[in-house]
Each structure stands twice: as structure tokens, then as C-alpha cells.
Amino acid sequence: MELRDIKSAFTTGGLSSLSISYTSLLDGYIVTVKTKSGTAHPLTTQREGKGCPRSFKSVDSAIAAIKNVGFKQVTIDL
């Protein structure tokens, strides 16, 4: 999901949680949202191929990207 889709889904009440986790495959952190139905979706990049997960070099940069979504609580897996 792109950031605008995540914001829209949060506004309509379709998301239940947001987490940030490290992945060695991308050598960075990815943001994942979980829908009310239990499906997990990564935050995807707008610049590269459709559906490519967006990777962040630090937890701080991941939080900066999603801080305006509206979640009050974020889970971080190191």
C-alpha cells in the first residue's frame, strides 16, 4: 500500500495496527500495516516498481514517513 492508501484506510477505520521491522533482504526497516481482516500490507514505494516495499535506513526515518497517518501506537521489531 502506498502512503496515501494507508492514510485513507486509517481514516475509514480499516486498519488495526502498524509495525516497523528490520529486514536483512533490503538492509533496512519496512513499515507494515494490518487490516481489520488480519491481512498485512507493506508500505510500498511510489518511485520504483508497483508493489515494491519501501525501505528505510533507520527507525527514525520510518517513523517520520508515517507520523501523519494517525496511529497513536507503533510496534517496532528490531
Protein backbone atom coordinates (compact mmCIF):
# COMPACT_ATOMS: atom_id res chain seq x y z
CA MET A 1 0.00 0.00 0.00
CA GLU A 2 1.22 3.47 -0.79
CA LEU A 3 1.19 6.09 1.97
CA ARG A 4 -1.95 7.79 0.62
CA ASP A 5 -3.78 4.42 0.64
CA ILE A 6 -2.71 3.79 4.24
CA LYS A 7 -3.96 7.23 5.31
CA SER A 8 -7.27 6.62 3.56
CA ALA A 9 -7.71 3.16 5.09
CA PHE A 10 -6.90 4.52 8.56
CA THR A 11 -9.42 7.35 8.17
CA THR A 12 -12.18 4.90 7.23
CA GLY A 13 -11.29 2.57 10.13
CA GLY A 14 -9.91 -0.26 8.00
CA LEU A 15 -6.56 -0.68 9.79
CA SER A 16 -5.87 -2.32 13.13
CA SER A 17 -2.10 -1.90 13.64
CA LEU A 18 1.16 -0.57 12.25
CA SER A 19 4.61 -2.06 12.78
CA ILE A 20 8.19 -1.31 11.79
CA SER A 21 10.58 -4.22 11.38
CA TYR A 22 14.12 -4.78 10.17
CA THR A 23 14.69 -6.90 7.07
CA SER A 24 18.15 -8.02 6.04
CA LEU A 25 16.99 -8.62 2.47
CA LEU A 26 16.52 -4.87 1.95
CA ASP A 27 19.12 -3.93 4.60
CA GLY A 28 16.68 -1.58 6.26
CA TYR A 29 13.36 -1.15 8.03
CA ILE A 30 9.95 -1.65 6.45
CA VAL A 31 6.56 -0.40 7.60
CA THR A 32 3.71 -2.91 7.66
CA VAL A 33 0.04 -2.23 8.34
CA LYS A 34 -2.52 -4.83 9.32
CA THR A 35 -6.11 -4.53 8.20
CA LYS A 36 -9.13 -5.32 10.38
CA SER A 37 -9.46 -8.62 8.45
CA GLY A 38 -5.92 -9.59 9.51
CA THR A 39 -4.11 -9.08 6.19
CA ALA A 40 -0.65 -7.47 6.40
CA HIS A 41 0.47 -4.96 3.75
CA PRO A 42 3.90 -3.28 3.48
CA LEU A 43 4.27 0.42 2.76
CA THR A 44 5.29 0.49 -0.90
CA THR A 45 7.40 2.96 -2.80
CA GLN A 46 5.91 5.35 -5.33
CA ARG A 47 9.06 5.61 -7.44
CA GLU A 48 10.06 2.03 -8.16
CA GLY A 49 8.07 -0.93 -9.44
CA LYS A 50 4.48 -1.24 -8.26
CA GLY A 51 4.26 -3.16 -5.00
CA CYS A 52 7.96 -2.84 -4.11
CA PRO A 53 8.33 -2.40 -0.30
CA ARG A 54 9.80 0.91 0.77
CA SER A 55 12.95 0.51 2.86
CA PHE A 56 14.24 2.97 5.47
CA LYS A 57 17.81 3.18 6.81
CA SER A 58 16.65 3.94 10.37
CA VAL A 59 13.63 3.57 12.63
CA ASP A 60 13.52 7.36 12.92
CA SER A 61 13.16 7.83 9.17
CA ALA A 62 10.39 5.20 9.05
CA ILE A 63 8.51 6.97 11.84
CA ALA A 64 8.96 10.34 10.11
CA ALA A 65 7.37 8.94 6.96
CA ILE A 66 4.26 7.59 8.72
CA LYS A 67 3.78 10.02 11.61
CA ASN A 68 0.85 11.79 9.94
CA VAL A 69 -1.20 8.64 9.36
CA GLY A 70 -2.85 8.89 12.76
CA PHE A 71 -1.77 5.83 14.72
CA LYS A 72 -1.10 6.54 18.38
CA GLN A 73 0.93 3.36 18.88
CA VAL A 74 3.55 1.64 16.69
CA THR A 75 5.22 -1.73 17.23
CA ILE A 76 8.97 -1.88 16.46
CA ASP A 77 10.69 -5.22 15.82
CA LEU A 78 14.48 -4.90 15.82
